[in-house]
C-alpha atoms as a PDB file:
ATOM      1  CA  UNK A   1     -28.743-109.875 118.503  1.00  0.00           C
ATOM      2  CA  UNK A   2     -27.702-110.806 114.980  1.00  0.00           C
ATOM      3  CA  UNK A   3     -29.064-113.368 112.642  1.00  0.00           C
ATOM      4  CA  UNK A   4     -27.644-114.704 109.165  1.00  0.00           C
ATOM      5  CA  UNK A   5     -29.976-116.164 106.802  1.00  0.00           C
ATOM      6  CA  UNK A   6     -30.727-116.497 102.889  1.00  0.00           C
ATOM      7  CA  UNK A   7     -33.016-113.530 101.884  1.00  0.00           C
ATOM      8  CA  UNK A   8     -34.646-116.088  99.345  1.00  0.00           C
ATOM      9  CA  UNK A   9     -35.051-119.216 101.552  1.00  0.00           C
ATOM     10  CA  UNK A  10     -37.036-120.969  98.711  1.00  0.00           C
ATOM     11  CA  UNK A  11     -33.982-120.649  96.458  1.00  0.00           C
ATOM     12  CA  UNK A  12     -31.304-120.406  99.394  1.00  0.00           C
ATOM     13  CA  UNK A  13     -29.621-117.215  97.905  1.00  0.00           C
ATOM     14  CA  UNK A  14     -28.605-113.999  98.947  1.00  0.00           C
ATOM     15  CA  UNK A  15     -26.944-114.416 102.280  1.00  0.00           C
ATOM     16  CA  UNK A  16     -27.943-111.493 104.634  1.00  0.00           C
ATOM     17  CA  UNK A  17     -27.079-110.324 108.050  1.00  0.00           C
ATOM     18  CA  UNK A  18     -29.877-108.938 110.045  1.00  0.00           C
ATOM     19  CA  UNK A  19     -30.111-107.113 113.637  1.00  0.00           C
ATOM     20  CA  UNK A  20     -32.846-106.823 116.106  1.00  0.00           C
ATOM     21  CA  UNK A  21     -32.750-104.239 118.658  1.00  0.00           C
ATOM     22  CA  UNK A  22     -35.983-104.818 120.356  1.00  0.00           C
ATOM     23  CA  UNK A  23     -35.900-108.313 121.688  1.00  0.00           C
ATOM     24  CA  UNK A  24     -36.672-110.119 118.482  1.00  0.00           C
ATOM     25  CA  UNK A  25     -39.958-108.563 117.720  1.00  0.00           C
ATOM     26  CA  UNK A  26     -38.792-106.904 114.552  1.00  0.00           C
ATOM     27  CA  UNK A  27     -35.639-106.930 112.573  1.00  0.00           C
ATOM     28  CA  UNK A  28     -34.587-103.377 111.998  1.00  0.00           C
ATOM     29  CA  UNK A  29     -31.552-103.594 109.844  1.00  0.00           C
ATOM     30  CA  UNK A  30     -30.475-105.878 106.910  1.00  0.00           C
ATOM     31  CA  UNK A  31     -27.433-106.109 104.695  1.00  0.00           C
ATOM     32  CA  UNK A  32     -26.623-108.351 101.854  1.00  0.00           C
ATOM     33  CA  UNK A  33     -23.386-110.364 102.445  1.00  0.00           C
ATOM     34  CA  UNK A  34     -23.460-112.614  99.305  1.00  0.00           C
ATOM     35  CA  UNK A  35     -25.840-112.704  96.273  1.00  0.00           C
ATOM     36  CA  UNK A  36     -25.188-116.502  95.342  1.00  0.00           C
ATOM     37  CA  UNK A  37     -26.397-119.635  96.359  1.00  0.00           C
ATOM     38  CA  UNK A  38     -25.715-120.397 100.233  1.00  0.00           C
ATOM     39  CA  UNK A  39     -25.941-123.091 102.889  1.00  0.00           C
ATOM     40  CA  UNK A  40     -26.112-122.869 106.664  1.00  0.00           C
ATOM     41  CA  UNK A  41     -24.343-120.132 108.512  1.00  0.00           C
ATOM     42  CA  UNK A  42     -23.237-119.110 111.966  1.00  0.00           C
ATOM     43  CA  UNK A  43     -22.693-115.910 113.554  1.00  0.00           C
ATOM     44  CA  UNK A  44     -19.925-114.886 115.956  1.00  0.00           C
ATOM     45  CA  UNK A  45     -18.885-111.509 117.718  1.00  0.00           C
ATOM     46  CA  UNK A  46     -15.009-111.440 117.459  1.00  0.00           C
ATOM     47  CA  UNK A  47     -12.722-110.179 120.011  1.00  0.00           C
ATOM     48  CA  UNK A  48     -12.249-106.804 118.383  1.00  0.00           C
ATOM     49  CA  UNK A  49     -16.212-106.446 118.451  1.00  0.00           C
ATOM     50  CA  UNK A  50     -16.636-107.021 114.792  1.00  0.00           C
ATOM     51  CA  UNK A  51     -19.109-109.614 113.628  1.00  0.00           C
ATOM     52  CA  UNK A  52     -18.313-112.633 111.759  1.00  0.00           C
ATOM     53  CA  UNK A  53     -20.603-114.878 109.588  1.00  0.00           C
ATOM     54  CA  UNK A  54     -19.243-118.259 108.400  1.00  0.00           C
ATOM     55  CA  UNK A  55     -21.468-119.935 105.675  1.00  0.00           C
ATOM     56  CA  UNK A  56     -21.474-122.642 103.058  1.00  0.00           C
ATOM     57  CA  UNK A  57     -21.810-121.575  99.548  1.00  0.00           C
ATOM     58  CA  UNK A  58     -21.993-122.938  96.037  1.00  0.00           C
ATOM     59  CA  UNK A  59     -20.839-121.385  92.682  1.00  0.00           C
ATOM     60  CA  UNK A  60     -23.203-121.128  89.746  1.00  0.00           C
ATOM     61  CA  UNK A  61     -23.720-124.462  87.716  1.00  0.00           C
ATOM     62  CA  UNK A  62     -22.915-126.702  90.656  1.00  0.00           C
ATOM     63  CA  UNK A  63     -25.046-129.263  92.283  1.00  0.00           C
ATOM     64  CA  UNK A  64     -28.578-128.102  93.598  1.00  0.00           C
ATOM     65  CA  UNK A  65     -28.376-126.268  96.901  1.00  0.00           C
ATOM     66  CA  UNK A  66     -29.966-129.411  98.597  1.00  0.00           C
ATOM     67  CA  UNK A  67     -26.429-130.955  98.383  1.00  0.00           C
ATOM     68  CA  UNK A  68     -23.514-130.040 100.281  1.00  0.00           C
ATOM     69  CA  UNK A  69     -21.908-126.821  99.520  1.00  0.00           C
ATOM     70  CA  UNK A  70     -18.701-126.825  97.554  1.00  0.00           C
ATOM     71  CA  UNK A  71     -17.078-123.969  99.519  1.00  0.00           C
ATOM     72  CA  UNK A  72     -16.929-122.154 102.977  1.00  0.00           C
ATOM     73  CA  UNK A  73     -16.882-118.399 103.225  1.00  0.00           C
ATOM     74  CA  UNK A  74     -16.335-116.146 106.004  1.00  0.00           C
ATOM     75  CA  UNK A  75     -17.686-112.428 105.975  1.00  0.00           C
ATOM     76  CA  UNK A  76     -16.656-109.874 108.567  1.00  0.00           C
ATOM     77  CA  UNK A  77     -18.002-106.550 109.203  1.00  0.00           C
ATOM     78  CA  UNK A  78     -18.736-104.056 111.914  1.00  0.00           C
ATOM     79  CA  UNK A  79     -21.886-102.774 113.595  1.00  0.00           C
ATOM     80  CA  UNK A  80     -21.666 -99.499 111.649  1.00  0.00           C
ATOM     81  CA  UNK A  81     -21.712-101.236 108.139  1.00  0.00           C
ATOM     82  CA  UNK A  82     -24.558-103.230 109.292  1.00  0.00           C
ATOM     83  CA  UNK A  83     -26.841-100.234 110.389  1.00  0.00           C
ATOM     84  CA  UNK A  84     -25.504 -97.813 107.724  1.00  0.00           C
ATOM     85  CA  UNK A  85     -28.544 -96.311 105.831  1.00  0.00           C
ATOM     86  CA  UNK A  86     -28.181 -96.540 102.108  1.00  0.00           C
END
């Protein structure tokens, strides 16, 4: 199971993808998708078995994150990228 979330929820920055392999008890893998300000996100498994994350984003200097995002981004990656050990 996959989860997309800001790694710093207080400031809503650092959109991250996380993976659990044990029924949601632990999140074993995490990879940074975007370092900037982010809003809500959604995850989808695409027909080619890659993972897609659609999320709202804001550029530096824009309205505070409590306002609507000024852009929508889409990140696409595979399972190997998410589980790669760095």
